[in-house]
């Protein structure tokens, strides 16, 4: 969901670069970096990318098993919080 939000915001700002933005190899870190360079998100959100990526993996059962990351209420709240922070930043720029 986080990648989709960032991609949507980037395409909205840079419609001529749609093909580049949806190209294989574009991952969360690249979307966050590009969103920051385009002024869509703050430095704080960019710095939180490691945590955002970690908690977003909670929705991927295979990744959860491979990394032995256990989902609990606290981590679910942190993932939800990261999503809300991103939505707030993107909404403020819209």
N, C-alpha and C. Protein backbone atom coordinates (compact mmCIF):
# COMPACT_ATOMS: atom_id res chain seq x y z
N UNK A 1 0.82 -1.17 0.00
CA UNK A 1 0.00 0.00 0.00
C UNK A 1 0.88 1.26 0.00
N UNK A 2 1.97 1.23 0.72
CA UNK A 2 2.86 2.39 0.80
C UNK A 2 3.45 2.70 -0.57
N UNK A 3 3.91 1.66 -1.28
CA UNK A 3 4.45 1.89 -2.62
C UNK A 3 3.38 2.47 -3.53
N UNK A 4 2.14 1.98 -3.43
CA UNK A 4 1.06 2.47 -4.28
C UNK A 4 0.77 3.94 -4.01
N UNK A 5 0.77 4.34 -2.74
CA UNK A 5 0.54 5.74 -2.41
C UNK A 5 1.64 6.65 -2.96
N UNK A 6 2.88 6.20 -2.79
CA UNK A 6 4.00 6.99 -3.30
C UNK A 6 3.98 7.06 -4.82
N UNK A 7 3.70 5.92 -5.46
CA UNK A 7 3.64 5.88 -6.92
C UNK A 7 2.55 6.81 -7.43
N UNK A 8 1.38 6.76 -6.82
CA UNK A 8 0.28 7.63 -7.24
C UNK A 8 0.66 9.11 -7.11
N UNK A 9 1.28 9.45 -6.00
CA UNK A 9 1.69 10.85 -5.80
C UNK A 9 2.75 11.26 -6.82
N UNK A 10 3.69 10.39 -7.10
CA UNK A 10 4.74 10.71 -8.06
C UNK A 10 4.18 10.84 -9.47
N UNK A 11 3.28 9.95 -9.87
CA UNK A 11 2.68 10.04 -11.20
C UNK A 11 1.85 11.31 -11.31
N UNK A 12 1.16 11.67 -10.22
CA UNK A 12 0.39 12.91 -10.23
C UNK A 12 1.27 14.13 -10.44
N UNK A 13 2.44 14.11 -9.86
CA UNK A 13 3.36 15.25 -9.98
C UNK A 13 4.17 15.19 -11.27
N UNK A 14 4.48 13.97 -11.73
CA UNK A 14 5.36 13.78 -12.89
C UNK A 14 4.69 12.87 -13.93
N UNK A 15 3.56 13.29 -14.52
CA UNK A 15 2.84 12.39 -15.43
C UNK A 15 3.67 11.93 -16.63
N UNK A 16 4.61 12.73 -17.06
CA UNK A 16 5.44 12.35 -18.20
C UNK A 16 6.46 11.26 -17.88
N UNK A 17 6.63 10.94 -16.62
CA UNK A 17 7.62 9.93 -16.22
C UNK A 17 6.96 8.62 -15.75
N UNK A 18 5.70 8.45 -16.10
CA UNK A 18 4.95 7.28 -15.63
C UNK A 18 5.66 5.96 -15.94
N UNK A 19 6.13 5.80 -17.17
CA UNK A 19 6.78 4.54 -17.57
C UNK A 19 8.02 4.26 -16.73
N UNK A 20 8.80 5.28 -16.43
CA UNK A 20 9.99 5.10 -15.59
C UNK A 20 9.59 4.71 -14.17
N UNK A 21 8.52 5.34 -13.68
CA UNK A 21 8.12 5.11 -12.29
C UNK A 21 7.54 3.72 -12.06
N UNK A 22 6.94 3.13 -13.08
CA UNK A 22 6.35 1.79 -12.92
C UNK A 22 7.28 0.69 -13.42
N UNK A 23 8.48 1.05 -13.82
CA UNK A 23 9.44 0.09 -14.37
C UNK A 23 9.87 -0.92 -13.31
N UNK A 24 10.19 -2.14 -13.75
CA UNK A 24 10.74 -3.13 -12.81
C UNK A 24 11.98 -2.56 -12.13
N UNK A 25 12.15 -2.90 -10.90
CA UNK A 25 13.31 -2.41 -10.15
C UNK A 25 12.99 -1.23 -9.26
N UNK A 26 11.83 -0.62 -9.49
CA UNK A 26 11.41 0.47 -8.60
C UNK A 26 10.88 -0.17 -7.33
N UNK A 27 11.54 0.08 -6.25
CA UNK A 27 11.17 -0.51 -4.96
C UNK A 27 10.90 0.61 -3.97
N UNK A 28 10.49 0.23 -2.78
CA UNK A 28 10.12 1.20 -1.76
C UNK A 28 11.20 2.26 -1.55
N UNK A 29 12.44 1.86 -1.41
CA UNK A 29 13.52 2.81 -1.15
C UNK A 29 13.64 3.83 -2.28
N UNK A 30 13.48 3.40 -3.52
CA UNK A 30 13.57 4.31 -4.66
C UNK A 30 12.38 5.25 -4.70
N UNK A 31 11.19 4.75 -4.39
CA UNK A 31 10.01 5.62 -4.36
C UNK A 31 10.15 6.67 -3.26
N UNK A 32 10.63 6.27 -2.12
CA UNK A 32 10.80 7.22 -1.01
C UNK A 32 11.84 8.28 -1.38
N UNK A 33 12.95 7.85 -1.94
CA UNK A 33 14.00 8.78 -2.33
C UNK A 33 13.49 9.77 -3.38
N UNK A 34 12.79 9.26 -4.36
CA UNK A 34 12.26 10.14 -5.42
C UNK A 34 11.19 11.08 -4.87
N UNK A 35 10.32 10.57 -4.00
CA UNK A 35 9.29 11.41 -3.40
C UNK A 35 9.92 12.53 -2.59
N UNK A 36 11.01 12.24 -1.90
CA UNK A 36 11.71 13.28 -1.13
C UNK A 36 12.33 14.30 -2.06
N UNK A 37 12.97 13.85 -3.13
CA UNK A 37 13.62 14.80 -4.04
C UNK A 37 12.60 15.67 -4.76
N UNK A 38 11.37 15.19 -4.88
CA UNK A 38 10.30 15.98 -5.52
C UNK A 38 9.53 16.81 -4.50
N UNK A 39 9.91 16.73 -3.23
CA UNK A 39 9.27 17.54 -2.20
C UNK A 39 7.92 17.02 -1.73
N UNK A 40 7.63 15.75 -2.02
CA UNK A 40 6.34 15.17 -1.61
C UNK A 40 6.32 14.71 -0.17
N UNK A 41 7.49 14.40 0.36
CA UNK A 41 7.60 13.96 1.75
C UNK A 41 8.75 14.68 2.43
N UNK A 42 8.74 14.67 3.74
CA UNK A 42 9.77 15.37 4.51
C UNK A 42 10.99 14.49 4.73
N UNK A 43 12.03 15.12 5.26
CA UNK A 43 13.23 14.37 5.63
C UNK A 43 12.90 13.30 6.66
N UNK A 44 11.99 13.61 7.59
CA UNK A 44 11.62 12.64 8.63
C UNK A 44 11.06 11.36 8.04
N UNK A 45 10.20 11.50 7.04
CA UNK A 45 9.61 10.31 6.41
C UNK A 45 10.69 9.55 5.67
N UNK A 46 11.58 10.26 4.99
CA UNK A 46 12.66 9.58 4.27
C UNK A 46 13.55 8.82 5.25
N UNK A 47 13.86 9.43 6.38
CA UNK A 47 14.71 8.78 7.37
C UNK A 47 14.03 7.56 7.99
N UNK A 48 12.72 7.55 8.01
CA UNK A 48 11.97 6.44 8.60
C UNK A 48 11.79 5.28 7.61
N UNK A 49 12.40 5.36 6.43
CA UNK A 49 12.15 4.35 5.40
C UNK A 49 12.51 2.93 5.84
N UNK A 50 13.53 2.79 6.65
CA UNK A 50 13.90 1.44 7.10
C UNK A 50 12.78 0.83 7.94
N UNK A 51 12.22 1.64 8.81
CA UNK A 51 11.13 1.15 9.65
C UNK A 51 9.86 0.92 8.83
N UNK A 52 9.59 1.81 7.91
CA UNK A 52 8.41 1.65 7.06
C UNK A 52 8.52 0.34 6.29
N UNK A 53 9.67 0.09 5.71
CA UNK A 53 9.86 -1.15 4.95
C UNK A 53 9.75 -2.39 5.83
N UNK A 54 10.28 -2.30 7.02
CA UNK A 54 10.23 -3.44 7.93
C UNK A 54 8.79 -3.78 8.31
N UNK A 55 8.03 -2.77 8.67
CA UNK A 55 6.66 -3.03 9.12
C UNK A 55 5.72 -3.34 7.97
N UNK A 56 6.05 -2.88 6.78
CA UNK A 56 5.19 -3.21 5.64
C UNK A 56 5.31 -4.70 5.31
N UNK A 57 6.41 -5.31 5.70
CA UNK A 57 6.58 -6.73 5.45
C UNK A 57 5.63 -7.60 6.26
N UNK A 58 4.97 -7.01 7.23
CA UNK A 58 4.02 -7.78 8.03
C UNK A 58 2.85 -8.28 7.21
N UNK A 59 2.59 -7.66 6.07
CA UNK A 59 1.49 -8.12 5.23
C UNK A 59 1.92 -9.20 4.24
N UNK A 60 3.19 -9.54 4.24
CA UNK A 60 3.71 -10.58 3.36
C UNK A 60 4.07 -11.80 4.22
N UNK A 61 3.19 -12.79 4.30
CA UNK A 61 3.46 -13.94 5.18
C UNK A 61 4.78 -14.64 4.88
N UNK A 62 5.13 -14.77 3.60
CA UNK A 62 6.39 -15.42 3.26
C UNK A 62 7.58 -14.67 3.81
N UNK A 63 7.54 -13.36 3.68
CA UNK A 63 8.63 -12.52 4.19
C UNK A 63 8.68 -12.61 5.71
N UNK A 64 7.51 -12.62 6.33
CA UNK A 64 7.46 -12.74 7.79
C UNK A 64 8.12 -14.04 8.24
N UNK A 65 7.86 -15.13 7.52
CA UNK A 65 8.46 -16.41 7.88
C UNK A 65 9.96 -16.42 7.63
N UNK A 66 10.40 -15.88 6.49
CA UNK A 66 11.83 -15.88 6.16
C UNK A 66 12.64 -15.04 7.14
N UNK A 67 12.08 -13.93 7.60
CA UNK A 67 12.82 -13.05 8.49
C UNK A 67 12.57 -13.34 9.96
N UNK A 68 11.67 -14.26 10.24
CA UNK A 68 11.28 -14.63 11.60
C UNK A 68 10.71 -13.43 12.36
N UNK A 69 10.14 -12.50 11.62
CA UNK A 69 9.53 -11.34 12.24
C UNK A 69 8.14 -11.72 12.72
N UNK A 70 7.90 -11.52 13.96
CA UNK A 70 6.61 -11.86 14.55
C UNK A 70 5.72 -10.62 14.58
N UNK A 71 4.50 -10.81 14.16
CA UNK A 71 3.55 -9.72 14.20
C UNK A 71 2.85 -9.72 15.56
N UNK A 72 2.80 -8.56 16.17
CA UNK A 72 2.04 -8.41 17.41
C UNK A 72 1.31 -7.06 17.34
N UNK A 73 0.55 -6.77 18.33
CA UNK A 73 -0.26 -5.55 18.31
C UNK A 73 0.60 -4.30 18.19
N UNK A 74 1.71 -4.25 18.91
CA UNK A 74 2.57 -3.08 18.86
C UNK A 74 3.13 -2.84 17.47
N UNK A 75 3.60 -3.90 16.81
CA UNK A 75 4.14 -3.76 15.46
C UNK A 75 3.04 -3.38 14.47
N UNK A 76 1.87 -3.92 14.67
CA UNK A 76 0.74 -3.56 13.80
C UNK A 76 0.42 -2.07 13.95
N UNK A 77 0.45 -1.57 15.18
CA UNK A 77 0.22 -0.13 15.40
C UNK A 77 1.32 0.71 14.77
N UNK A 78 2.56 0.23 14.83
CA UNK A 78 3.66 0.97 14.23
C UNK A 78 3.51 1.01 12.71
N UNK A 79 3.10 -0.10 12.11
CA UNK A 79 2.87 -0.13 10.67
C UNK A 79 1.74 0.82 10.30
N UNK A 80 0.69 0.81 11.08
CA UNK A 80 -0.43 1.71 10.83
C UNK A 80 0.01 3.16 11.00
N UNK A 81 0.81 3.42 11.99
CA UNK A 81 1.32 4.78 12.22
C UNK A 81 2.17 5.26 11.06
N UNK A 82 3.05 4.39 10.56
CA UNK A 82 3.90 4.76 9.42
C UNK A 82 3.04 5.11 8.22
N UNK A 83 1.99 4.34 8.01
CA UNK A 83 1.09 4.61 6.89
C UNK A 83 0.38 5.95 7.08
N UNK A 84 -0.08 6.22 8.29
CA UNK A 84 -0.76 7.49 8.55
C UNK A 84 0.18 8.69 8.37
N UNK A 85 1.41 8.56 8.80
CA UNK A 85 2.39 9.65 8.62
C UNK A 85 2.58 9.93 7.13
N UNK A 86 2.72 8.88 6.34
CA UNK A 86 2.91 9.05 4.91
C UNK A 86 1.67 9.70 4.28
N UNK A 87 0.50 9.21 4.62
CA UNK A 87 -0.74 9.79 4.08
C UNK A 87 -0.85 11.27 4.45
N UNK A 88 -0.54 11.61 5.68
CA UNK A 88 -0.60 13.01 6.10
C UNK A 88 0.34 13.90 5.29
N UNK A 89 1.56 13.41 5.05
CA UNK A 89 2.53 14.19 4.27
C UNK A 89 2.06 14.36 2.84
N UNK A 90 1.56 13.27 2.24
CA UNK A 90 1.12 13.36 0.85
C UNK A 90 -0.12 14.25 0.73
N UNK A 91 -1.02 14.16 1.69
CA UNK A 91 -2.23 14.99 1.65
C UNK A 91 -1.88 16.47 1.79
N UNK A 92 -0.89 16.77 2.59
CA UNK A 92 -0.49 18.17 2.78
C UNK A 92 0.12 18.75 1.50
N UNK A 93 0.67 17.90 0.67
CA UNK A 93 1.30 18.36 -0.58
C UNK A 93 0.32 18.38 -1.75
N UNK A 94 -0.86 17.81 -1.57
CA UNK A 94 -1.83 17.72 -2.67
C UNK A 94 -2.52 19.03 -2.92
